[in-house]
């Protein structure tokens, strides 16, 4: 990672927009391009590629443990405003993921079991998938899953 001094020499950050700009380079243009496979803004500086949100977090915190991850609270990978970024462990970052494209039930952790004609609610706790029960209705399964998310510290945006 770049040092704080290098970052401050190369970039200017605009908190109100969440955008990163080059200082005295490229006429103060916005830094970075969107990486197609991840959707994050990526910046090439001093011959290496960096994610803009990590550079911005370094500027905001004046230094942080690089083992931590930068979470986009609202799941918008282009929103690098200070109120949308937080430092978390990988474990906590997984408690604020978007619903996947392959989700067919509409709720993370709730599935329909065709052969049983009922819904199952599950949640990931302490590195293992935990069954929360089987339910006749989707609404019951969602209610139990959401209660478990609150109990185990999942972010309110998890699954949105």
C-alpha atoms as a PDB file:
ATOM      1  CA  UNK A   1       0.000   0.000   0.000  1.00  0.00           C
ATOM      2  CA  UNK A   2       1.056   3.567  -0.535  1.00  0.00           C
ATOM      3  CA  UNK A   3       2.224   5.504   2.496  1.00  0.00           C
ATOM      4  CA  UNK A   4       0.135   8.322   3.918  1.00  0.00           C
ATOM      5  CA  UNK A   5       2.758  10.832   2.714  1.00  0.00           C
ATOM      6  CA  UNK A   6       2.641   9.437  -0.829  1.00  0.00           C
ATOM      7  CA  UNK A   7      -1.161   9.494  -0.848  1.00  0.00           C
ATOM      8  CA  UNK A   8      -1.257  13.091   0.373  1.00  0.00           C
ATOM      9  CA  UNK A   9       1.285  14.096  -2.280  1.00  0.00           C
ATOM     10  CA  UNK A  10      -0.585  12.429  -5.120  1.00  0.00           C
ATOM     11  CA  UNK A  11      -4.265  12.901  -4.303  1.00  0.00           C
ATOM     12  CA  UNK A  12      -6.925  15.295  -3.129  1.00  0.00           C
ATOM     13  CA  UNK A  13     -10.095  13.853  -1.615  1.00  0.00           C
ATOM     14  CA  UNK A  14     -13.475  15.559  -1.733  1.00  0.00           C
ATOM     15  CA  UNK A  15     -15.567  14.136   1.147  1.00  0.00           C
ATOM     16  CA  UNK A  16     -18.863  15.672  -0.028  1.00  0.00           C
ATOM     17  CA  UNK A  17     -18.747  13.728  -3.311  1.00  0.00           C
ATOM     18  CA  UNK A  18     -16.533  10.860  -2.170  1.00  0.00           C
ATOM     19  CA  UNK A  19     -14.271  11.432  -5.161  1.00  0.00           C
ATOM     20  CA  UNK A  20     -10.513  11.221  -5.399  1.00  0.00           C
ATOM     21  CA  UNK A  21      -8.614  13.654  -7.624  1.00  0.00           C
ATOM     22  CA  UNK A  22      -5.029  13.839  -8.825  1.00  0.00           C
ATOM     23  CA  UNK A  23      -3.028  16.698  -7.319  1.00  0.00           C
ATOM     24  CA  UNK A  24      -1.023  18.719  -9.855  1.00  0.00           C
ATOM     25  CA  UNK A  25      -1.274  15.851 -12.293  1.00  0.00           C
ATOM     26  CA  UNK A  26      -3.648  15.478 -15.206  1.00  0.00           C
ATOM     27  CA  UNK A  27      -5.042  18.955 -14.417  1.00  0.00           C
ATOM     28  CA  UNK A  28      -6.660  17.817 -11.139  1.00  0.00           C
ATOM     29  CA  UNK A  29      -8.852  15.251 -12.926  1.00  0.00           C
ATOM     30  CA  UNK A  30     -10.712  12.560 -11.059  1.00  0.00           C
ATOM     31  CA  UNK A  31      -8.458   9.603 -10.303  1.00  0.00           C
ATOM     32  CA  UNK A  32      -9.217   6.047 -11.342  1.00  0.00           C
ATOM     33  CA  UNK A  33     -11.466   3.979 -13.537  1.00  0.00           C
ATOM     34  CA  UNK A  34     -14.171   1.468 -12.716  1.00  0.00           C
ATOM     35  CA  UNK A  35     -12.847  -2.089 -12.749  1.00  0.00           C
ATOM     36  CA  UNK A  36     -15.451  -4.025 -14.738  1.00  0.00           C
ATOM     37  CA  UNK A  37     -15.237  -7.330 -12.900  1.00  0.00           C
ATOM     38  CA  UNK A  38     -15.514  -5.882  -9.377  1.00  0.00           C
ATOM     39  CA  UNK A  39     -17.298  -2.544  -9.848  1.00  0.00           C
ATOM     40  CA  UNK A  40     -14.756  -0.748  -7.641  1.00  0.00           C
ATOM     41  CA  UNK A  41     -12.779   2.331  -8.668  1.00  0.00           C
ATOM     42  CA  UNK A  42      -9.174   1.387  -9.284  1.00  0.00           C
ATOM     43  CA  UNK A  43      -6.248   3.838  -9.433  1.00  0.00           C
ATOM     44  CA  UNK A  44      -2.773   3.264 -10.876  1.00  0.00           C
ATOM     45  CA  UNK A  45      -0.161   5.086  -8.813  1.00  0.00           C
ATOM     46  CA  UNK A  46       3.595   4.638  -8.843  1.00  0.00           C
ATOM     47  CA  UNK A  47       3.256   1.649 -11.169  1.00  0.00           C
ATOM     48  CA  UNK A  48       0.787  -0.325  -9.026  1.00  0.00           C
ATOM     49  CA  UNK A  49      -2.996  -0.656  -8.904  1.00  0.00           C
ATOM     50  CA  UNK A  50      -4.944   0.340  -5.792  1.00  0.00           C
ATOM     51  CA  UNK A  51      -8.621   0.530  -4.925  1.00  0.00           C
ATOM     52  CA  UNK A  52      -9.724   4.133  -4.417  1.00  0.00           C
ATOM     53  CA  UNK A  53     -11.722   3.288  -1.276  1.00  0.00           C
ATOM     54  CA  UNK A  54      -8.562   1.975   0.422  1.00  0.00           C
ATOM     55  CA  UNK A  55      -6.620   5.132  -0.492  1.00  0.00           C
ATOM     56  CA  UNK A  56      -9.496   7.246   0.791  1.00  0.00           C
ATOM     57  CA  UNK A  57      -9.704   5.280   4.046  1.00  0.00           C
ATOM     58  CA  UNK A  58      -5.968   5.820   4.540  1.00  0.00           C
ATOM     59  CA  UNK A  59      -6.530   9.564   4.099  1.00  0.00           C
ATOM     60  CA  UNK A  60      -9.474   9.565   6.513  1.00  0.00           C
ATOM     61  CA  UNK A  61      -7.826   7.519   9.265  1.00  0.00           C
ATOM     62  CA  UNK A  62      -4.213   8.694   8.774  1.00  0.00           C
ATOM     63  CA  UNK A  63      -3.263   5.013   8.832  1.00  0.00           C
ATOM     64  CA  UNK A  64      -5.038   1.746   9.585  1.00  0.00           C
ATOM     65  CA  UNK A  65      -4.348  -1.952   9.932  1.00  0.00           C
ATOM     66  CA  UNK A  66      -4.314  -3.252   6.341  1.00  0.00           C
ATOM     67  CA  UNK A  67      -5.672  -6.611   7.507  1.00  0.00           C
ATOM     68  CA  UNK A  68      -8.992  -4.819   7.941  1.00  0.00           C
ATOM     69  CA  UNK A  69     -11.388  -4.428   5.032  1.00  0.00           C
ATOM     70  CA  UNK A  70     -13.189  -1.305   3.870  1.00  0.00           C
ATOM     71  CA  UNK A  71     -16.945  -1.914   3.785  1.00  0.00           C
ATOM     72  CA  UNK A  72     -19.293   0.135   1.616  1.00  0.00           C
ATOM     73  CA  UNK A  73     -22.263   0.356   4.004  1.00  0.00           C
ATOM     74  CA  UNK A  74     -24.869   0.965   1.277  1.00  0.00           C
ATOM     75  CA  UNK A  75     -23.310  -1.666  -1.058  1.00  0.00           C
ATOM     76  CA  UNK A  76     -22.667   1.012  -3.713  1.00  0.00           C
ATOM     77  CA  UNK A  77     -19.029   0.451  -4.641  1.00  0.00           C
ATOM     78  CA  UNK A  78     -18.801   3.882  -6.237  1.00  0.00           C
ATOM     79  CA  UNK A  79     -19.984   5.737  -3.112  1.00  0.00           C
ATOM     80  CA  UNK A  80     -16.754   6.609  -1.303  1.00  0.00           C
ATOM     81  CA  UNK A  81     -18.182   9.274   1.012  1.00  0.00           C
ATOM     82  CA  UNK A  82     -16.911   9.071   4.613  1.00  0.00           C
ATOM     83  CA  UNK A  83     -20.303   8.098   6.046  1.00  0.00           C
ATOM     84  CA  UNK A  84     -20.488   5.125   3.655  1.00  0.00           C
ATOM     85  CA  UNK A  85     -17.077   3.637   4.465  1.00  0.00           C
ATOM     86  CA  UNK A  86     -16.168   1.676   7.584  1.00  0.00           C
ATOM     87  CA  UNK A  87     -13.232  -0.479   8.624  1.00  0.00           C
ATOM     88  CA  UNK A  88     -14.239  -4.029   9.517  1.00  0.00           C
ATOM     89  CA  UNK A  89     -12.821  -7.508   9.819  1.00  0.00           C
ATOM     90  CA  UNK A  90     -13.576  -9.944   7.013  1.00  0.00           C
ATOM     91  CA  UNK A  91     -16.015 -11.679   9.375  1.00  0.00           C
ATOM     92  CA  UNK A  92     -17.950  -8.437   9.929  1.00  0.00           C
ATOM     93  CA  UNK A  93     -17.782  -7.516   6.246  1.00  0.00           C
ATOM     94  CA  UNK A  94     -19.585 -10.760   5.436  1.00  0.00           C
ATOM     95  CA  UNK A  95     -22.413  -9.565   7.687  1.00  0.00           C
ATOM     96  CA  UNK A  96     -23.161  -6.798   5.173  1.00  0.00           C
ATOM     97  CA  UNK A  97     -23.306  -8.441   1.760  1.00  0.00           C
ATOM     98  CA  UNK A  98     -25.770  -7.856  -1.049  1.00  0.00           C
ATOM     99  CA  UNK A  99     -28.328 -10.426  -2.069  1.00  0.00           C
ATOM    100  CA  UNK A 100     -26.824 -12.487  -4.898  1.00  0.00           C
ATOM    101  CA  UNK A 101     -28.259 -12.643  -8.407  1.00  0.00           C
ATOM    102  CA  UNK A 102     -28.925 -16.351  -7.912  1.00  0.00           C
ATOM    103  CA  UNK A 103     -31.175 -15.787  -4.873  1.00  0.00           C
ATOM    104  CA  UNK A 104     -34.654 -16.993  -5.848  1.00  0.00           C
ATOM    105  CA  UNK A 105     -36.554 -16.585  -2.577  1.00  0.00           C
ATOM    106  CA  UNK A 106     -35.984 -12.853  -2.200  1.00  0.00           C
ATOM    107  CA  UNK A 107     -34.374 -13.147   1.238  1.00  0.00           C
ATOM    108  CA  UNK A 108     -30.797 -14.141   2.041  1.00  0.00           C
ATOM    109  CA  UNK A 109     -30.759 -17.316   4.127  1.00  0.00           C
ATOM    110  CA  UNK A 110     -34.282 -18.434   3.224  1.00  0.00           C
ATOM    111  CA  UNK A 111     -34.899 -21.237   0.727  1.00  0.00           C
ATOM    112  CA  UNK A 112     -37.859 -23.275  -0.412  1.00  0.00           C
ATOM    113  CA  UNK A 113     -37.485 -27.051  -0.105  1.00  0.00           C
ATOM    114  CA  UNK A 114     -39.698 -28.443  -2.872  1.00  0.00           C
ATOM    115  CA  UNK A 115     -39.850 -32.055  -1.675  1.00  0.00           C
ATOM    116  CA  UNK A 116     -40.883 -30.943   1.836  1.00  0.00           C
ATOM    117  CA  UNK A 117     -43.084 -28.077   0.613  1.00  0.00           C
ATOM    118  CA  UNK A 118     -41.728 -25.735   3.256  1.00  0.00           C
ATOM    119  CA  UNK A 119     -39.176 -23.004   3.753  1.00  0.00           C
ATOM    120  CA  UNK A 120     -35.900 -23.304   5.629  1.00  0.00           C
ATOM    121  CA  UNK A 121     -34.116 -20.414   7.331  1.00  0.00           C
ATOM    122  CA  UNK A 122     -30.353 -20.573   7.849  1.00  0.00           C
ATOM    123  CA  UNK A 123     -27.616 -18.221   9.037  1.00  0.00           C
ATOM    124  CA  UNK A 124     -23.820 -18.297   9.161  1.00  0.00           C
ATOM    125  CA  UNK A 125     -22.595 -18.175  12.783  1.00  0.00           C
ATOM    126  CA  UNK A 126     -19.102 -18.876  14.115  1.00  0.00           C
ATOM    127  CA  UNK A 127     -17.822 -20.107  10.740  1.00  0.00           C
ATOM    128  CA  UNK A 128     -20.636 -22.589  10.188  1.00  0.00           C
ATOM    129  CA  UNK A 129     -24.050 -22.628   8.597  1.00  0.00           C
ATOM    130  CA  UNK A 130     -26.760 -22.939  11.260  1.00  0.00           C
ATOM    131  CA  UNK A 131     -30.277 -24.156  10.538  1.00  0.00           C
ATOM    132  CA  UNK A 132     -32.884 -21.880  12.152  1.00  0.00           C
ATOM    133  CA  UNK A 133     -35.838 -24.142  11.356  1.00  0.00           C
ATOM    134  CA  UNK A 134     -38.434 -25.141   8.780  1.00  0.00           C
ATOM    135  CA  UNK A 135     -41.585 -23.105   8.168  1.00  0.00           C
ATOM    136  CA  UNK A 136     -44.850 -23.428   6.291  1.00  0.00           C
ATOM    137  CA  UNK A 137     -44.738 -19.835   5.036  1.00  0.00           C
ATOM    138  CA  UNK A 138     -42.087 -17.623   3.554  1.00  0.00           C
ATOM    139  CA  UNK A 139     -43.048 -14.826   5.969  1.00  0.00           C
ATOM    140  CA  UNK A 140     -42.379 -17.005   9.036  1.00  0.00           C
ATOM    141  CA  UNK A 141     -38.957 -18.037   7.710  1.00  0.00           C
ATOM    142  CA  UNK A 142     -38.018 -14.416   6.930  1.00  0.00           C
ATOM    143  CA  UNK A 143     -39.125 -13.272  10.397  1.00  0.00           C
ATOM    144  CA  UNK A 144     -36.893 -15.859  12.098  1.00  0.00           C
ATOM    145  CA  UNK A 145     -33.956 -15.114   9.764  1.00  0.00           C
ATOM    146  CA  UNK A 146     -34.199 -11.322  10.380  1.00  0.00           C
ATOM    147  CA  UNK A 147     -34.388 -11.869  14.157  1.00  0.00           C
ATOM    148  CA  UNK A 148     -31.235 -14.007  13.975  1.00  0.00           C
ATOM    149  CA  UNK A 149     -29.472 -11.306  11.918  1.00  0.00           C
ATOM    150  CA  UNK A 150     -30.196  -8.774  14.679  1.00  0.00           C
ATOM    151  CA  UNK A 151     -29.140 -11.204  17.403  1.00  0.00           C
ATOM    152  CA  UNK A 152     -25.807 -12.044  15.743  1.00  0.00           C
ATOM    153  CA  UNK A 153     -24.849  -8.498  14.762  1.00  0.00           C
ATOM    154  CA  UNK A 154     -25.539  -8.490  11.047  1.00  0.00           C
ATOM    155  CA  UNK A 155     -25.677  -5.035   9.460  1.00  0.00           C
ATOM    156  CA  UNK A 156     -29.204  -3.719   8.752  1.00  0.00           C
ATOM    157  CA  UNK A 157     -28.288  -3.475   5.019  1.00  0.00           C
ATOM    158  CA  UNK A 158     -27.322  -7.161   4.822  1.00  0.00           C
ATOM    159  CA  UNK A 159     -29.081  -8.860   1.929  1.00  0.00           C
ATOM    160  CA  UNK A 160     -30.373  -5.701   0.300  1.00  0.00           C
END
